[in-house]
Amino acid sequence: MKLAEALQERADLNRTIKELRDRLDRVVLVQEGEKPVEDPVELLSELDK
């Protein structure tokens, strides 16, 4: 793998991680009695991948 390809892949992965963290931040705080838009456990497992 060329260096440029590796750097691009790393940038893509970092962007994906940031998006997942942002989505997780939005769903952890919800009003009492309401359900989050996305499943936080699912987001965490996706982030762990």
PDB file of N, CA and C in Angstrom:
ATOM      1  N   MET A   1       0.851  -1.171   0.000  1.00  0.00           N
ATOM      2  CA  MET A   1       0.000   0.000   0.000  1.00  0.00           C
ATOM      3  C   MET A   1       0.894   1.231   0.000  1.00  0.00           C
ATOM      4  N   LYS A   2       0.584   2.154  -0.834  1.00  0.00           N
ATOM      5  CA  LYS A   2       1.373   3.373  -0.911  1.00  0.00           C
ATOM      6  C   LYS A   2       1.054   4.270   0.273  1.00  0.00           C
ATOM      7  N   LEU A   3       2.003   5.122   0.570  1.00  0.00           N
ATOM      8  CA  LEU A   3       1.850   6.018   1.710  1.00  0.00           C
ATOM      9  C   LEU A   3       0.612   6.903   1.561  1.00  0.00           C
ATOM     10  N   ALA A   4       0.402   7.453   0.383  1.00  0.00           N
ATOM     11  CA  ALA A   4      -0.759   8.330   0.170  1.00  0.00           C
ATOM     12  C   ALA A   4      -2.065   7.581   0.401  1.00  0.00           C
ATOM     13  N   GLU A   5      -2.133   6.336  -0.039  1.00  0.00           N
ATOM     14  CA  GLU A   5      -3.348   5.541   0.175  1.00  0.00           C
ATOM     15  C   GLU A   5      -3.562   5.276   1.655  1.00  0.00           C
ATOM     16  N   ALA A   6      -2.490   4.970   2.344  1.00  0.00           N
ATOM     17  CA  ALA A   6      -2.588   4.704   3.778  1.00  0.00           C
ATOM     18  C   ALA A   6      -3.029   5.951   4.538  1.00  0.00           C
ATOM     19  N   LEU A   7      -2.491   7.095   4.161  1.00  0.00           N
ATOM     20  CA  LEU A   7      -2.881   8.341   4.821  1.00  0.00           C
ATOM     21  C   LEU A   7      -4.344   8.684   4.544  1.00  0.00           C
ATOM     22  N   GLN A   8      -4.787   8.420   3.328  1.00  0.00           N
ATOM     23  CA  GLN A   8      -6.190   8.678   2.985  1.00  0.00           C
ATOM     24  C   GLN A   8      -7.112   7.750   3.763  1.00  0.00           C
ATOM     25  N   GLU A   9      -6.718   6.494   3.883  1.00  0.00           N
ATOM     26  CA  GLU A   9      -7.522   5.539   4.654  1.00  0.00           C
ATOM     27  C   GLU A   9      -7.588   5.950   6.118  1.00  0.00           C
ATOM     28  N   ARG A  10      -6.469   6.402   6.657  1.00  0.00           N
ATOM     29  CA  ARG A  10      -6.440   6.860   8.048  1.00  0.00           C
ATOM     30  C   ARG A  10      -7.350   8.076   8.235  1.00  0.00           C
ATOM     31  N   ALA A  11      -7.306   9.002   7.294  1.00  0.00           N
ATOM     32  CA  ALA A  11      -8.167  10.188   7.376  1.00  0.00           C
ATOM     33  C   ALA A  11      -9.635   9.788   7.318  1.00  0.00           C
ATOM     34  N   ASP A  12      -9.967   8.840   6.444  1.00  0.00           N
ATOM     35  CA  ASP A  12     -11.348   8.358   6.344  1.00  0.00           C
ATOM     36  C   ASP A  12     -11.803   7.712   7.645  1.00  0.00           C
ATOM     37  N   LEU A  13     -10.932   6.894   8.230  1.00  0.00           N
ATOM     38  CA  LEU A  13     -11.281   6.235   9.496  1.00  0.00           C
ATOM     39  C   LEU A  13     -11.449   7.249  10.619  1.00  0.00           C
ATOM     40  N   ASN A  14     -10.571   8.244  10.665  1.00  0.00           N
ATOM     41  CA  ASN A  14     -10.689   9.280  11.690  1.00  0.00           C
ATOM     42  C   ASN A  14     -11.979  10.067  11.530  1.00  0.00           C
ATOM     43  N   ARG A  15     -12.376  10.337  10.296  1.00  0.00           N
ATOM     44  CA  ARG A  15     -13.618  11.051  10.031  1.00  0.00           C
ATOM     45  C   ARG A  15     -14.814  10.199  10.478  1.00  0.00           C
ATOM     46  N   THR A  16     -14.775   8.913  10.192  1.00  0.00           N
ATOM     47  CA  THR A  16     -15.846   8.007  10.598  1.00  0.00           C
ATOM     48  C   THR A  16     -15.952   7.933  12.116  1.00  0.00           C
ATOM     49  N   ILE A  17     -14.816   7.850  12.782  1.00  0.00           N
ATOM     50  CA  ILE A  17     -14.803   7.811  14.251  1.00  0.00           C
ATOM     51  C   ILE A  17     -15.401   9.085  14.821  1.00  0.00           C
ATOM     52  N   LYS A  18     -15.028  10.228  14.271  1.00  0.00           N
ATOM     53  CA  LYS A  18     -15.568  11.502  14.758  1.00  0.00           C
ATOM     54  C   LYS A  18     -17.081  11.565  14.551  1.00  0.00           C
ATOM     55  N   GLU A  19     -17.549  11.113  13.401  1.00  0.00           N
ATOM     56  CA  GLU A  19     -18.989  11.119  13.140  1.00  0.00           C
ATOM     57  C   GLU A  19     -19.734  10.219  14.119  1.00  0.00           C
ATOM     58  N   LEU A  20     -19.168   9.041  14.396  1.00  0.00           N
ATOM     59  CA  LEU A  20     -19.804   8.130  15.357  1.00  0.00           C
ATOM     60  C   LEU A  20     -19.835   8.738  16.750  1.00  0.00           C
ATOM     61  N   ARG A  21     -18.759   9.375  17.155  1.00  0.00           N
ATOM     62  CA  ARG A  21     -18.725  10.020  18.480  1.00  0.00           C
ATOM     63  C   ARG A  21     -19.731  11.152  18.568  1.00  0.00           C
ATOM     64  N   ASP A  22     -19.841  11.938  17.491  1.00  0.00           N
ATOM     65  CA  ASP A  22     -20.823  13.029  17.473  1.00  0.00           C
ATOM     66  C   ASP A  22     -22.245  12.481  17.576  1.00  0.00           C
ATOM     67  N   ARG A  23     -22.533  11.418  16.819  1.00  0.00           N
ATOM     68  CA  ARG A  23     -23.859  10.792  16.881  1.00  0.00           C
ATOM     69  C   ARG A  23     -24.124  10.245  18.277  1.00  0.00           C
ATOM     70  N   LEU A  24     -23.108   9.642  18.887  1.00  0.00           N
ATOM     71  CA  LEU A  24     -23.263   9.093  20.230  1.00  0.00           C
ATOM     72  C   LEU A  24     -23.527  10.205  21.239  1.00  0.00           C
ATOM     73  N   ASP A  25     -22.819  11.320  21.096  1.00  0.00           N
ATOM     74  CA  ASP A  25     -23.046  12.458  21.993  1.00  0.00           C
ATOM     75  C   ASP A  25     -24.484  12.961  21.909  1.00  0.00           C
ATOM     76  N   ARG A  26     -25.059  12.935  20.704  1.00  0.00           N
ATOM     77  CA  ARG A  26     -26.429  13.430  20.528  1.00  0.00           C
ATOM     78  C   ARG A  26     -27.469  12.500  21.137  1.00  0.00           C
ATOM     79  N   VAL A  27     -27.195  11.190  21.179  1.00  0.00           N
ATOM     80  CA  VAL A  27     -28.221  10.262  21.663  1.00  0.00           C
ATOM     81  C   VAL A  27     -28.105   9.928  23.141  1.00  0.00           C
ATOM     82  N   VAL A  28     -27.015  10.299  23.773  1.00  0.00           N
ATOM     83  CA  VAL A  28     -26.888   9.934  25.188  1.00  0.00           C
ATOM     84  C   VAL A  28     -27.768  10.797  26.077  1.00  0.00           C
ATOM     85  N   LEU A  29     -28.011  12.012  25.692  1.00  0.00           N
ATOM     86  CA  LEU A  29     -28.861  12.883  26.495  1.00  0.00           C
ATOM     87  C   LEU A  29     -30.228  13.021  25.832  1.00  0.00           C
ATOM     88  N   VAL A  30     -31.228  12.455  26.488  1.00  0.00           N
ATOM     89  CA  VAL A  30     -32.601  12.569  26.004  1.00  0.00           C
ATOM     90  C   VAL A  30     -33.494  12.930  27.179  1.00  0.00           C
ATOM     91  N   GLN A  31     -34.652  13.462  26.877  1.00  0.00           N
ATOM     92  CA  GLN A  31     -35.610  13.780  27.920  1.00  0.00           C
ATOM     93  C   GLN A  31     -36.090  12.494  28.585  1.00  0.00           C
ATOM     94  N   GLU A  32     -36.408  12.591  29.847  1.00  0.00           N
ATOM     95  CA  GLU A  32     -36.911  11.431  30.573  1.00  0.00           C
ATOM     96  C   GLU A  32     -38.209  10.941  29.927  1.00  0.00           C
ATOM     97  N   GLY A  33     -38.272   9.639  29.709  1.00  0.00           N
ATOM     98  CA  GLY A  33     -39.453   9.048  29.100  1.00  0.00           C
ATOM     99  C   GLY A  33     -39.375   8.945  27.581  1.00  0.00           C
ATOM    100  N   GLU A  34     -38.417   9.617  26.964  1.00  0.00           N
ATOM    101  CA  GLU A  34     -38.254   9.532  25.517  1.00  0.00           C
ATOM    102  C   GLU A  34     -37.176   8.509  25.178  1.00  0.00           C
ATOM    103  N   LYS A  35     -37.264   7.980  23.970  1.00  0.00           N
ATOM    104  CA  LYS A  35     -36.241   7.040  23.509  1.00  0.00           C
ATOM    105  C   LYS A  35     -35.276   7.772  22.592  1.00  0.00           C
ATOM    106  N   PRO A  36     -33.997   7.412  22.636  1.00  0.00           N
ATOM    107  CA  PRO A  36     -33.042   8.053  21.728  1.00  0.00           C
ATOM    108  C   PRO A  36     -33.340   7.675  20.278  1.00  0.00           C
ATOM    109  N   VAL A  37     -32.943   8.542  19.363  1.00  0.00           N
ATOM    110  CA  VAL A  37     -33.175   8.315  17.938  1.00  0.00           C
ATOM    111  C   VAL A  37     -32.419   7.081  17.460  1.00  0.00           C
ATOM    112  N   GLU A  38     -31.196   6.901  17.968  1.00  0.00           N
ATOM    113  CA  GLU A  38     -30.383   5.738  17.619  1.00  0.00           C
ATOM    114  C   GLU A  38     -30.022   4.986  18.889  1.00  0.00           C
ATOM    115  N   ASP A  39     -29.746   3.710  18.744  1.00  0.00           N
ATOM    116  CA  ASP A  39     -29.381   2.872  19.883  1.00  0.00           C
ATOM    117  C   ASP A  39     -27.927   3.145  20.274  1.00  0.00           C
ATOM    118  N   PRO A  40     -27.688   3.695  21.476  1.00  0.00           N
ATOM    119  CA  PRO A  40     -26.332   4.008  21.901  1.00  0.00           C
ATOM    120  C   PRO A  40     -25.420   2.771  21.960  1.00  0.00           C
ATOM    121  N   VAL A  41     -25.980   1.639  22.346  1.00  0.00           N
ATOM    122  CA  VAL A  41     -25.186   0.410  22.436  1.00  0.00           C
ATOM    123  C   VAL A  41     -24.698  -0.004  21.040  1.00  0.00           C
ATOM    124  N   GLU A  42     -25.555   0.140  20.053  1.00  0.00           N
ATOM    125  CA  GLU A  42     -25.182  -0.186  18.686  1.00  0.00           C
ATOM    126  C   GLU A  42     -24.074   0.755  18.181  1.00  0.00           C
ATOM    127  N   LEU A  43     -24.207   2.036  18.519  1.00  0.00           N
ATOM    128  CA  LEU A  43     -23.185   2.999  18.108  1.00  0.00           C
ATOM    129  C   LEU A  43     -21.835   2.677  18.768  1.00  0.00           C
ATOM    130  N   LEU A  44     -21.886   2.311  20.042  1.00  0.00           N
ATOM    131  CA  LEU A  44     -20.638   1.960  20.735  1.00  0.00           C
ATOM    132  C   LEU A  44     -19.979   0.736  20.117  1.00  0.00           C
ATOM    133  N   SER A  45     -20.774  -0.259  19.771  1.00  0.00           N
ATOM    134  CA  SER A  45     -20.188  -1.448  19.178  1.00  0.00           C
ATOM    135  C   SER A  45     -19.611  -1.135  17.789  1.00  0.00           C
ATOM    136  N   GLU A  46     -20.275  -0.261  17.052  1.00  0.00           N
ATOM    137  CA  GLU A  46     -19.749   0.153  15.747  1.00  0.00           C
ATOM    138  C   GLU A  46     -18.439   0.926  15.916  1.00  0.00           C
ATOM    139  N   LEU A  47     -18.393   1.739  16.953  1.00  0.00           N
ATOM    140  CA  LEU A  47     -17.175   2.516  17.232  1.00  0.00           C
ATOM    141  C   LEU A  47     -16.019   1.593  17.628  1.00  0.00           C
ATOM    142  N   ASP A  48     -16.321   0.518  18.345  1.00  0.00           N
ATOM    143  CA  ASP A  48     -15.288  -0.424  18.762  1.00  0.00           C
ATOM    144  C   ASP A  48     -14.689  -1.192  17.582  1.00  0.00           C
ATOM    145  N   LYS A  49     -15.469  -1.335  16.503  1.00  0.00           N
ATOM    146  CA  LYS A  49     -14.960  -2.035  15.320  1.00  0.00           C
ATOM    147  C   LYS A  49     -13.816  -1.256  14.759  1.00  0.00           C
TER     148      LYS A  49
END
